[in-house]
Amino acid sequence: MNARTAARAAWLRAGLVLVCVVAADQLVKTLVTSSLERGEQRELIAQIKLVNTRNTGVAFGQLQDGGAIVAVLIGAAVLALLVYLARHAQQRWIWLPAGLLLGGALGNVVDRVREGAVVDFVKLPYWPAFNVADAAITVGVLALVFVMERGDGARGPS
């Protein structure tokens, strides 16, 4: 597979992952907000709660009501990721963390545009509430570190 074809395949795969993450995130958020009143909580299992809450900040509730600062940080992170993907599109598996990160970011941006805050719905003991997009971002960061640190120079569409 030539470099251009490999890069195109990486972008397409990342786009597919992005679409799946956004669809799953928005579907679950819709189910939660239609089933629970804002602020309501339900015990699921072993102190894991289903909640309907909002986050106006970024990760773990930092920068609450940050407004423009939050928007700039999100925009800068997405731009950096897009540049990285463009420069490393041939790197094996880079499409997966890119799709997870971009899908997670977009899922939460949709909430910010629609509601002015991110809908969070899973509450673990001693942990801030989170959502599918947040989980995709977390897994995406871990996957990106793994792909970047492999160091074997592996290339290809895998």
C-alpha atoms as a PDB file:
ATOM      1  CA  MET A   1       0.000   0.000   0.000  1.00  0.00           C
ATOM      2  CA  ASN A   2       1.474   3.352  -0.961  1.00  0.00           C
ATOM      3  CA  ALA A   3       1.768   6.293   1.438  1.00  0.00           C
ATOM      4  CA  ARG A   4      -1.211   8.184   0.036  1.00  0.00           C
ATOM      5  CA  THR A   5      -3.499   5.142   0.241  1.00  0.00           C
ATOM      6  CA  ALA A   6      -2.327   4.374   3.789  1.00  0.00           C
ATOM      7  CA  ALA A   7      -2.979   7.967   4.854  1.00  0.00           C
ATOM      8  CA  ARG A   8      -6.436   7.941   3.264  1.00  0.00           C
ATOM      9  CA  ALA A   9      -7.249   4.649   5.012  1.00  0.00           C
ATOM     10  CA  ALA A  10      -6.122   6.091   8.364  1.00  0.00           C
ATOM     11  CA  TRP A  11      -8.337   9.175   7.943  1.00  0.00           C
ATOM     12  CA  LEU A  12     -11.319   7.035   6.925  1.00  0.00           C
ATOM     13  CA  ARG A  13     -10.866   4.691   9.874  1.00  0.00           C
ATOM     14  CA  ALA A  14     -10.454   7.603  12.275  1.00  0.00           C
ATOM     15  CA  GLY A  15     -13.625   9.133  10.826  1.00  0.00           C
ATOM     16  CA  LEU A  16     -15.539   5.890  11.314  1.00  0.00           C
ATOM     17  CA  VAL A  17     -14.426   5.651  14.945  1.00  0.00           C
ATOM     18  CA  LEU A  18     -15.348   9.334  15.440  1.00  0.00           C
ATOM     19  CA  VAL A  19     -18.866   8.754  14.079  1.00  0.00           C
ATOM     20  CA  CYS A  20     -19.363   5.663  16.267  1.00  0.00           C
ATOM     21  CA  VAL A  21     -18.203   7.486  19.413  1.00  0.00           C
ATOM     22  CA  VAL A  22     -20.393  10.547  18.784  1.00  0.00           C
ATOM     23  CA  ALA A  23     -23.429   8.382  17.959  1.00  0.00           C
ATOM     24  CA  ALA A  24     -23.011   6.204  21.062  1.00  0.00           C
ATOM     25  CA  ASP A  25     -22.335   9.226  23.273  1.00  0.00           C
ATOM     26  CA  GLN A  26     -25.327  11.216  22.073  1.00  0.00           C
ATOM     27  CA  LEU A  27     -27.649   8.191  22.153  1.00  0.00           C
ATOM     28  CA  VAL A  28     -26.799   7.343  25.754  1.00  0.00           C
ATOM     29  CA  LYS A  29     -27.005  10.993  26.815  1.00  0.00           C
ATOM     30  CA  THR A  30     -30.467  11.216  25.237  1.00  0.00           C
ATOM     31  CA  LEU A  31     -31.589   8.069  27.056  1.00  0.00           C
ATOM     32  CA  VAL A  32     -30.277   9.363  30.382  1.00  0.00           C
ATOM     33  CA  THR A  33     -31.744  12.860  30.072  1.00  0.00           C
ATOM     34  CA  SER A  34     -35.117  11.422  29.058  1.00  0.00           C
ATOM     35  CA  SER A  35     -35.102   8.947  31.959  1.00  0.00           C
ATOM     36  CA  LEU A  36     -33.732  11.069  34.803  1.00  0.00           C
ATOM     37  CA  GLU A  37     -34.544  14.579  35.916  1.00  0.00           C
ATOM     38  CA  ARG A  38     -31.563  16.882  36.084  1.00  0.00           C
ATOM     39  CA  GLY A  39     -29.809  16.255  39.397  1.00  0.00           C
ATOM     40  CA  GLU A  40     -31.512  12.873  39.917  1.00  0.00           C
ATOM     41  CA  GLN A  41     -29.419   9.814  40.803  1.00  0.00           C
ATOM     42  CA  ARG A  42     -30.088   6.075  40.632  1.00  0.00           C
ATOM     43  CA  GLU A  43     -27.938   3.366  42.137  1.00  0.00           C
ATOM     44  CA  LEU A  44     -26.853   0.890  39.465  1.00  0.00           C
ATOM     45  CA  ILE A  45     -24.490  -1.586  41.118  1.00  0.00           C
ATOM     46  CA  ALA A  46     -21.854  -1.513  43.861  1.00  0.00           C
ATOM     47  CA  GLN A  47     -22.018   2.261  44.484  1.00  0.00           C
ATOM     48  CA  ILE A  48     -21.948   3.073  40.763  1.00  0.00           C
ATOM     49  CA  LYS A  49     -24.673   5.614  40.093  1.00  0.00           C
ATOM     50  CA  LEU A  50     -26.520   6.788  37.031  1.00  0.00           C
ATOM     51  CA  VAL A  51     -26.840  10.573  37.315  1.00  0.00           C
ATOM     52  CA  ASN A  52     -28.021  13.485  35.216  1.00  0.00           C
ATOM     53  CA  THR A  53     -25.607  16.312  35.781  1.00  0.00           C
ATOM     54  CA  ARG A  54     -23.839  19.055  33.817  1.00  0.00           C
ATOM     55  CA  ASN A  55     -20.187  20.053  33.589  1.00  0.00           C
ATOM     56  CA  THR A  56     -19.278  23.519  32.308  1.00  0.00           C
ATOM     57  CA  GLY A  57     -15.561  22.890  32.736  1.00  0.00           C
ATOM     58  CA  VAL A  58     -13.109  20.428  31.242  1.00  0.00           C
ATOM     59  CA  ALA A  59     -11.721  17.134  32.528  1.00  0.00           C
ATOM     60  CA  PHE A  60     -12.737  16.322  36.096  1.00  0.00           C
ATOM     61  CA  GLY A  61     -14.687  19.554  36.378  1.00  0.00           C
ATOM     62  CA  GLN A  62     -11.645  21.810  36.129  1.00  0.00           C
ATOM     63  CA  LEU A  63     -12.206  25.376  34.871  1.00  0.00           C
ATOM     64  CA  GLN A  64     -15.926  25.350  35.715  1.00  0.00           C
ATOM     65  CA  ASP A  65     -17.709  28.144  33.847  1.00  0.00           C
ATOM     66  CA  GLY A  66     -14.477  28.737  31.880  1.00  0.00           C
ATOM     67  CA  GLY A  67     -16.369  29.721  28.722  1.00  0.00           C
ATOM     68  CA  ALA A  68     -13.898  31.124  26.213  1.00  0.00           C
ATOM     69  CA  ILE A  69     -10.883  29.570  27.944  1.00  0.00           C
ATOM     70  CA  VAL A  70     -12.475  26.115  27.682  1.00  0.00           C
ATOM     71  CA  ALA A  71     -13.330  26.681  24.011  1.00  0.00           C
ATOM     72  CA  VAL A  72      -9.759  27.771  23.217  1.00  0.00           C
ATOM     73  CA  LEU A  73      -8.262  24.782  25.063  1.00  0.00           C
ATOM     74  CA  ILE A  74     -10.555  22.338  23.251  1.00  0.00           C
ATOM     75  CA  GLY A  75      -9.858  23.968  19.898  1.00  0.00           C
ATOM     76  CA  ALA A  76      -6.091  23.896  20.458  1.00  0.00           C
ATOM     77  CA  ALA A  77      -6.164  20.232  21.503  1.00  0.00           C
ATOM     78  CA  VAL A  78      -8.243  19.218  18.465  1.00  0.00           C
ATOM     79  CA  LEU A  79      -6.004  21.209  16.121  1.00  0.00           C
ATOM     80  CA  ALA A  80      -2.864  19.617  17.600  1.00  0.00           C
ATOM     81  CA  LEU A  81      -4.384  16.161  17.186  1.00  0.00           C
ATOM     82  CA  LEU A  82      -5.364  16.842  13.561  1.00  0.00           C
ATOM     83  CA  VAL A  83      -1.849  18.084  12.780  1.00  0.00           C
ATOM     84  CA  TYR A  84      -0.344  15.034  14.463  1.00  0.00           C
ATOM     85  CA  LEU A  85      -2.618  12.681  12.506  1.00  0.00           C
ATOM     86  CA  ALA A  86      -1.804  14.468   9.243  1.00  0.00           C
ATOM     87  CA  ARG A  87       1.922  14.079   9.876  1.00  0.00           C
ATOM     88  CA  HIS A  88       1.727  10.483  11.139  1.00  0.00           C
ATOM     89  CA  ALA A  89      -1.205   9.023   9.195  1.00  0.00           C
ATOM     90  CA  GLN A  90       0.936   6.121   8.017  1.00  0.00           C
ATOM     91  CA  GLN A  91       1.804   5.062  11.552  1.00  0.00           C
ATOM     92  CA  ARG A  92       0.176   1.763  12.432  1.00  0.00           C
ATOM     93  CA  TRP A  93      -2.977   2.109  14.572  1.00  0.00           C
ATOM     94  CA  ILE A  94      -2.788   5.943  14.811  1.00  0.00           C
ATOM     95  CA  TRP A  95      -6.327   6.097  13.427  1.00  0.00           C
ATOM     96  CA  LEU A  96      -7.783   4.458  16.543  1.00  0.00           C
ATOM     97  CA  PRO A  97      -6.669   6.960  19.206  1.00  0.00           C
ATOM     98  CA  ALA A  98      -7.286   9.817  16.769  1.00  0.00           C
ATOM     99  CA  GLY A  99     -10.864   8.671  16.170  1.00  0.00           C
ATOM    100  CA  LEU A 100     -11.495   8.117  19.884  1.00  0.00           C
ATOM    101  CA  LEU A 101     -10.102  11.523  20.844  1.00  0.00           C
ATOM    102  CA  LEU A 102     -11.833  13.435  18.067  1.00  0.00           C
ATOM    103  CA  GLY A 103     -15.126  11.598  18.633  1.00  0.00           C
ATOM    104  CA  GLY A 104     -14.983  12.247  22.364  1.00  0.00           C
ATOM    105  CA  ALA A 105     -14.193  15.910  21.844  1.00  0.00           C
ATOM    106  CA  LEU A 106     -16.970  16.320  19.283  1.00  0.00           C
ATOM    107  CA  GLY A 107     -19.496  14.480  21.462  1.00  0.00           C
ATOM    108  CA  ASN A 108     -18.859  16.924  24.285  1.00  0.00           C
ATOM    109  CA  VAL A 109     -18.780  19.941  21.944  1.00  0.00           C
ATOM    110  CA  VAL A 110     -22.257  18.990  20.703  1.00  0.00           C
ATOM    111  CA  ASP A 111     -23.459  19.215  24.332  1.00  0.00           C
ATOM    112  CA  ARG A 112     -21.726  22.553  24.884  1.00  0.00           C
ATOM    113  CA  VAL A 113     -23.388  24.021  21.794  1.00  0.00           C
ATOM    114  CA  ARG A 114     -26.815  22.533  22.560  1.00  0.00           C
ATOM    115  CA  GLU A 115     -26.908  22.953  26.355  1.00  0.00           C
ATOM    116  CA  GLY A 116     -23.999  25.192  27.311  1.00  0.00           C
ATOM    117  CA  ALA A 117     -22.495  22.331  29.336  1.00  0.00           C
ATOM    118  CA  VAL A 118     -21.553  18.676  28.985  1.00  0.00           C
ATOM    119  CA  VAL A 119     -24.051  16.016  30.103  1.00  0.00           C
ATOM    120  CA  ASP A 120     -22.385  13.559  32.502  1.00  0.00           C
ATOM    121  CA  PHE A 121     -24.158  10.432  33.728  1.00  0.00           C
ATOM    122  CA  VAL A 122     -21.845   7.824  35.286  1.00  0.00           C
ATOM    123  CA  LYS A 123     -20.758   8.447  38.868  1.00  0.00           C
ATOM    124  CA  LEU A 124     -18.175   6.214  40.513  1.00  0.00           C
ATOM    125  CA  PRO A 125     -17.219   6.504  44.177  1.00  0.00           C
ATOM    126  CA  TYR A 126     -14.565   9.205  44.703  1.00  0.00           C
ATOM    127  CA  TRP A 127     -14.597  10.130  41.001  1.00  0.00           C
ATOM    128  CA  PRO A 128     -16.285  12.964  39.100  1.00  0.00           C
ATOM    129  CA  ALA A 129     -19.257  12.061  36.893  1.00  0.00           C
ATOM    130  CA  PHE A 130     -18.383  11.282  33.279  1.00  0.00           C
ATOM    131  CA  ASN A 131     -19.886  10.114  29.977  1.00  0.00           C
ATOM    132  CA  VAL A 132     -19.136   7.993  26.885  1.00  0.00           C
ATOM    133  CA  ALA A 133     -17.198  10.839  25.244  1.00  0.00           C
ATOM    134  CA  ASP A 134     -15.023  11.229  28.343  1.00  0.00           C
ATOM    135  CA  ALA A 135     -14.344   7.489  28.391  1.00  0.00           C
ATOM    136  CA  ALA A 136     -13.401   7.609  24.683  1.00  0.00           C
ATOM    137  CA  ILE A 137     -11.015  10.498  25.373  1.00  0.00           C
ATOM    138  CA  THR A 138      -9.394   8.637  28.272  1.00  0.00           C
ATOM    139  CA  VAL A 139      -8.956   5.432  26.259  1.00  0.00           C
ATOM    140  CA  GLY A 140      -7.819   7.534  23.291  1.00  0.00           C
ATOM    141  CA  VAL A 141      -5.071   9.215  25.319  1.00  0.00           C
ATOM    142  CA  LEU A 142      -3.835   5.848  26.585  1.00  0.00           C
ATOM    143  CA  ALA A 143      -3.938   4.395  23.060  1.00  0.00           C
ATOM    144  CA  LEU A 144      -2.123   7.436  21.649  1.00  0.00           C
ATOM    145  CA  VAL A 145       0.663   7.091  24.210  1.00  0.00           C
ATOM    146  CA  PHE A 146       0.941   3.389  23.365  1.00  0.00           C
ATOM    147  CA  VAL A 147       1.055   4.041  19.598  1.00  0.00           C
ATOM    148  CA  MET A 148       3.571   6.876  19.993  1.00  0.00           C
ATOM    149  CA  GLU A 149       5.805   4.925  22.374  1.00  0.00           C
ATOM    150  CA  ARG A 150       5.916   1.687  20.396  1.00  0.00           C
ATOM    151  CA  GLY A 151       9.094   2.917  18.785  1.00  0.00           C
ATOM    152  CA  ASP A 152       9.214   0.064  16.277  1.00  0.00           C
ATOM    153  CA  GLY A 153       8.601   2.349  13.323  1.00  0.00           C
ATOM    154  CA  ALA A 154       5.651   0.171  12.344  1.00  0.00           C
ATOM    155  CA  ARG A 155       3.729   1.555   9.445  1.00  0.00           C
ATOM    156  CA  GLY A 156       0.603   0.490   7.723  1.00  0.00           C
ATOM    157  CA  PRO A 157      -3.138   0.418   8.098  1.00  0.00           C
ATOM    158  CA  SER A 158      -3.484  -2.134  10.907  1.00  0.00           C
END
